[in-house]
Each structure stands twice: as C-alpha cells, then as structure tokens.
N, C-alpha and C. Protein backbone atom coordinates (compact mmCIF):
# COMPACT_ATOMS: atom_id res chain seq x y z
N MET A 1 116.07 113.89 26.90
CA MET A 1 116.35 112.01 27.33
C MET A 1 116.50 111.30 26.08
N PHE A 2 115.78 110.78 25.35
CA PHE A 2 115.58 110.30 24.99
C PHE A 2 115.84 110.05 23.22
N GLU A 3 115.86 111.87 23.25
CA GLU A 3 116.05 112.84 21.48
C GLU A 3 117.91 112.40 21.90
N ASP A 4 118.41 112.82 23.56
CA ASP A 4 120.35 112.56 23.12
C ASP A 4 120.60 111.13 22.75
N ALA A 5 119.87 110.48 23.39
CA ALA A 5 120.00 108.62 23.21
C ALA A 5 120.31 108.48 21.81
N LEU A 6 119.12 108.85 20.84
CA LEU A 6 118.84 108.82 19.63
C LEU A 6 120.22 109.35 18.33
N LYS A 7 120.64 110.58 18.83
CA LYS A 7 121.29 111.40 18.77
C LYS A 7 122.72 109.99 18.71
N VAL A 8 123.24 109.66 19.31
CA VAL A 8 124.45 109.59 20.27
C VAL A 8 124.45 107.53 19.24
N ALA A 9 123.18 106.96 19.34
CA ALA A 9 123.28 105.70 19.24
C ALA A 9 123.53 105.14 17.71
N PRO A 10 122.98 105.72 16.71
CA PRO A 10 123.34 105.59 15.46
C PRO A 10 125.15 105.00 15.18
N GLN A 11 125.92 105.39 15.75
CA GLN A 11 126.78 105.29 15.84
C GLN A 11 127.55 104.10 16.26
N PHE A 12 126.80 103.36 17.30
CA PHE A 12 127.12 102.22 17.85
C PHE A 12 126.02 101.15 17.31
N VAL A 13 125.47 101.68 16.02
CA VAL A 13 124.32 100.39 15.79
C VAL A 13 124.41 100.24 13.87
N SER A 14 124.39 98.65 13.96
CA SER A 14 124.83 98.57 11.86
C SER A 14 123.17 99.29 11.49
N LYS A 15 122.12 99.24 12.24
CA LYS A 15 120.93 99.06 11.31
C LYS A 15 120.54 100.50 11.42
N PRO A 16 119.80 101.41 10.45
CA PRO A 16 118.93 101.94 10.68
C PRO A 16 117.90 101.87 12.16
N ILE A 17 118.23 103.08 12.78
CA ILE A 17 117.25 103.05 13.89
C ILE A 17 115.65 102.96 13.86
N GLY A 18 114.94 101.69 14.56
CA GLY A 18 113.59 100.84 14.06
C GLY A 18 113.81 99.81 13.06
N ALA A 19 114.84 99.94 13.04
CA ALA A 19 114.83 98.38 11.65
C ALA A 19 114.81 97.15 12.67
N TYR A 20 114.51 96.01 12.05
CA TYR A 20 113.87 94.92 13.27
C TYR A 20 115.30 93.73 13.05
N ARG A 21 116.35 93.16 13.51
CA ARG A 21 116.65 93.12 13.45
C ARG A 21 116.83 91.10 12.65
N LEU A 22 118.02 91.01 11.42
CA LEU A 22 117.38 90.26 10.39
C LEU A 22 118.24 88.98 10.47
N ASP A 23 119.14 88.71 11.85
CA ASP A 23 119.73 87.53 12.12
C ASP A 23 118.80 86.67 13.23
N GLU A 24 119.81 85.33 13.68
CA GLU A 24 118.65 84.81 14.57
C GLU A 24 119.32 85.46 15.56
N ARG A 25 119.23 85.12 16.36
CA ARG A 25 119.73 85.40 18.41
C ARG A 25 119.30 84.44 18.87
N TYR A 26 120.37 84.05 20.03
CA TYR A 26 120.08 83.55 21.22
C TYR A 26 120.46 83.88 22.05
N ILE A 27 120.32 83.98 23.57
CA ILE A 27 120.93 84.60 24.97
C ILE A 27 121.89 83.34 25.13
N LYS A 28 123.50 83.39 25.67
CA LYS A 28 123.68 82.31 25.71
C LYS A 28 123.46 82.06 27.64
N GLY A 29 123.57 80.27 27.50
CA GLY A 29 122.99 80.04 29.26
C GLY A 29 121.63 79.69 29.12
N VAL A 30 120.67 80.34 28.96
CA VAL A 30 119.45 80.24 28.82
C VAL A 30 118.40 79.57 27.22
N ASP A 31 118.09 78.72 28.19
CA ASP A 31 116.65 77.96 27.26
C ASP A 31 115.73 78.52 27.19
N ILE A 32 115.82 79.99 26.54
CA ILE A 32 114.70 80.45 25.92
C ILE A 32 114.60 80.70 24.45
N LYS A 33 113.92 80.49 23.44
CA LYS A 33 113.89 80.39 22.36
C LYS A 33 113.22 81.76 22.12
N LEU A 34 113.89 82.96 21.20
CA LEU A 34 113.84 84.20 20.85
C LEU A 34 112.98 84.31 19.57
N SER A 35 112.49 84.60 18.86
CA SER A 35 111.34 85.21 17.97
C SER A 35 112.56 84.87 16.24
N LEU A 36 111.94 84.69 15.58
CA LEU A 36 112.13 84.34 14.51
C LEU A 36 112.81 85.99 13.65
N PRO A 37 113.09 85.82 13.05
CA PRO A 37 113.52 87.35 12.37
C PRO A 37 112.25 86.94 11.86
N ASN A 38 111.76 86.21 10.81
CA ASN A 38 110.48 86.57 9.79
C ASN A 38 109.43 86.53 10.66
N LYS A 39 109.19 86.34 12.05
CA LYS A 39 108.00 86.51 12.39
C LYS A 39 108.26 87.51 13.66
N ILE A 40 109.10 88.57 13.56
CA ILE A 40 109.21 88.99 14.52
C ILE A 40 107.91 90.48 14.48
N SER A 41 107.87 90.87 13.28
CA SER A 41 106.81 91.53 13.00
C SER A 41 105.37 91.32 13.76
N ASN A 42 105.12 90.29 13.30
CA ASN A 42 104.16 89.46 14.19
C ASN A 42 103.87 89.06 15.25
N ASP A 43 105.20 88.68 15.93
CA ASP A 43 104.81 88.62 17.40
C ASP A 43 105.14 90.15 17.65
N LEU A 44 104.85 91.24 17.59
CA LEU A 44 104.70 92.23 17.95
C LEU A 44 103.86 92.98 18.02
N GLU A 45 103.04 92.46 17.38
CA GLU A 45 101.17 93.03 16.61
C GLU A 45 100.65 91.74 17.39
N ASN A 46 101.02 90.90 17.76
CA ASN A 46 100.34 89.63 18.37
C ASN A 46 100.43 89.93 20.03
N LEU A 47 101.39 90.48 20.27
CA LEU A 47 102.01 91.02 22.01
C LEU A 47 101.07 92.35 21.94
N LEU A 48 100.92 93.37 21.23
CA LEU A 48 100.21 94.64 21.54
C LEU A 48 99.10 94.27 21.45
N TYR A 49 98.22 93.75 20.52
CA TYR A 49 97.01 92.91 20.67
C TYR A 49 96.35 92.03 22.00
N ARG A 50 97.51 91.71 22.39
CA ARG A 50 96.85 91.28 23.91
C ARG A 50 96.93 91.64 24.97
N PHE A 51 97.47 92.59 24.93
CA PHE A 51 97.48 93.11 26.63
C PHE A 51 96.79 94.53 26.12
N ASN A 52 95.93 95.02 27.44
CA ASN A 52 95.19 96.48 27.30
C ASN A 52 95.61 97.28 27.87
N SER A 53 96.18 98.72 27.02
CA SER A 53 97.55 99.16 27.68
C SER A 53 96.65 100.24 28.62
N ASN A 54 95.78 100.18 28.46
CA ASN A 54 94.57 101.14 29.71
C ASN A 54 94.13 100.36 30.70
N ASN A 55 94.39 99.15 30.93
CA ASN A 55 94.18 99.06 32.45
C ASN A 55 95.12 97.79 32.56
N MET A 56 96.54 97.98 33.13
CA MET A 56 97.80 96.82 33.55
C MET A 56 97.71 96.60 34.47
N SER A 57 97.54 95.57 35.20
CA SER A 57 98.29 95.45 36.09
C SER A 57 99.85 95.46 36.36
N LEU A 58 100.19 95.42 37.94
CA LEU A 58 101.72 94.94 37.36
C LEU A 58 102.21 94.05 37.46
N GLU A 59 101.61 92.84 37.74
CA GLU A 59 101.76 91.83 36.98
C GLU A 59 101.72 91.20 35.23
N ASP A 60 100.76 92.53 35.23
CA ASP A 60 100.65 92.27 33.13
C ASP A 60 101.59 93.54 32.85
N ILE A 61 102.22 94.19 33.41
CA ILE A 61 103.41 94.61 33.21
C ILE A 61 104.43 93.97 33.17
N ALA A 62 104.68 93.59 34.42
CA ALA A 62 105.96 92.25 34.40
C ALA A 62 105.68 91.38 33.19
N GLU A 63 104.64 90.77 33.10
CA GLU A 63 104.62 89.63 31.80
C GLU A 63 104.39 90.49 30.59
N PHE A 64 103.94 91.25 30.02
CA PHE A 64 104.44 92.14 29.21
C PHE A 64 105.66 91.92 28.91
N HIS A 65 106.75 92.44 29.07
CA HIS A 65 108.10 93.36 29.48
C HIS A 65 108.89 91.76 29.18
N ILE A 66 108.67 90.39 30.21
CA ILE A 66 108.78 89.12 29.51
C ILE A 66 108.82 88.56 28.54
N LEU A 67 107.27 88.75 27.90
CA LEU A 67 107.16 88.67 26.85
C LEU A 67 107.60 89.20 25.48
N PHE A 68 108.01 90.54 25.26
CA PHE A 68 108.76 91.74 24.52
C PHE A 68 110.48 91.73 24.39
N GLU A 69 110.75 91.42 25.30
CA GLU A 69 112.30 90.49 25.57
C GLU A 69 112.15 89.31 24.58
N ARG A 70 111.37 88.25 24.86
CA ARG A 70 111.60 87.42 23.98
C ARG A 70 111.34 87.30 22.26
N ILE A 71 110.79 88.68 22.25
CA ILE A 71 110.66 88.36 20.60
C ILE A 71 112.01 89.37 19.93
N HIS A 72 112.89 89.99 21.36
CA HIS A 72 113.95 90.52 20.96
C HIS A 72 114.57 91.12 19.74
N HIS A 73 113.46 91.71 19.38
CA HIS A 73 114.04 92.66 18.04
C HIS A 73 114.99 93.61 17.36
N LEU A 74 115.18 94.24 18.25
CA LEU A 74 116.32 95.24 18.03
C LEU A 74 117.74 94.98 17.90
N PRO A 75 118.86 94.73 16.97
CA PRO A 75 120.10 94.54 17.14
C PRO A 75 120.46 95.02 18.02
N MET A 76 121.53 94.38 18.91
CA MET A 76 122.16 94.20 19.80
C MET A 76 123.41 95.18 19.70
N VAL A 77 123.49 96.45 20.79
CA VAL A 77 124.72 96.92 20.83
C VAL A 77 125.93 96.47 20.76
N THR A 78 126.05 95.77 22.31
CA THR A 78 127.22 94.98 22.90
C THR A 78 127.55 93.88 22.49
N GLU A 79 126.19 93.01 22.27
CA GLU A 79 126.47 91.62 22.16
C GLU A 79 127.60 90.97 20.84
N GLU A 80 128.22 89.93 21.33
CA GLU A 80 128.84 89.50 20.01
C GLU A 80 128.35 88.03 20.13
N LEU A 81 128.22 87.40 19.12
CA LEU A 81 127.47 86.07 19.01
C LEU A 81 129.14 85.16 19.24
N GLU A 82 129.65 84.46 20.26
CA GLU A 82 130.53 83.96 19.98
C GLU A 82 130.19 82.53 21.04
N ASP A 83 129.96 81.16 20.75
CA ASP A 83 130.06 79.66 20.69
C ASP A 83 131.30 79.52 21.58
C-alpha cells in the first residue's frame, strides 16, 4: 500500500519525496512553534536519539508523535498559507 502511495504522491508534491520543507510554517489557530527549516534535520536526529524504539510505552509513542508533528518536516500537500 505504501508503495502505491509513493507512485501517486509525486503529482501532489512539489519537492522530491523525502525532501524537507524549505519554508517556515505555522498551524492556524494554534500557538505552537514548528521547527525552522534550518533546524529540521537536527530536531529529527535529536528526537530519534531521545526515544528507545525497542522499549516504548503507549505514552512514549504518543509523546514521540506529538514532538514529531511539531517538527513538521514535510511540505503540506493540501495546505495553503493564507492570513
């Protein structure tokens, strides 16, 4: 199924699959700071180092997911940044 998504996704994504976003992003209506483009690689590396993937509780998985979403490393397919 994932391979099928990769075959379809390029028509919706302006950057190569796996590329980090190069622009600053925000989420409307939420006071959360997302990673700056020049910090994405470092933030992802620190996140992966912080969690032991062989021994994660459900709470650890939830925390990892929240922190991963705050890095927000991929370009959005359907998001339009309008004020």
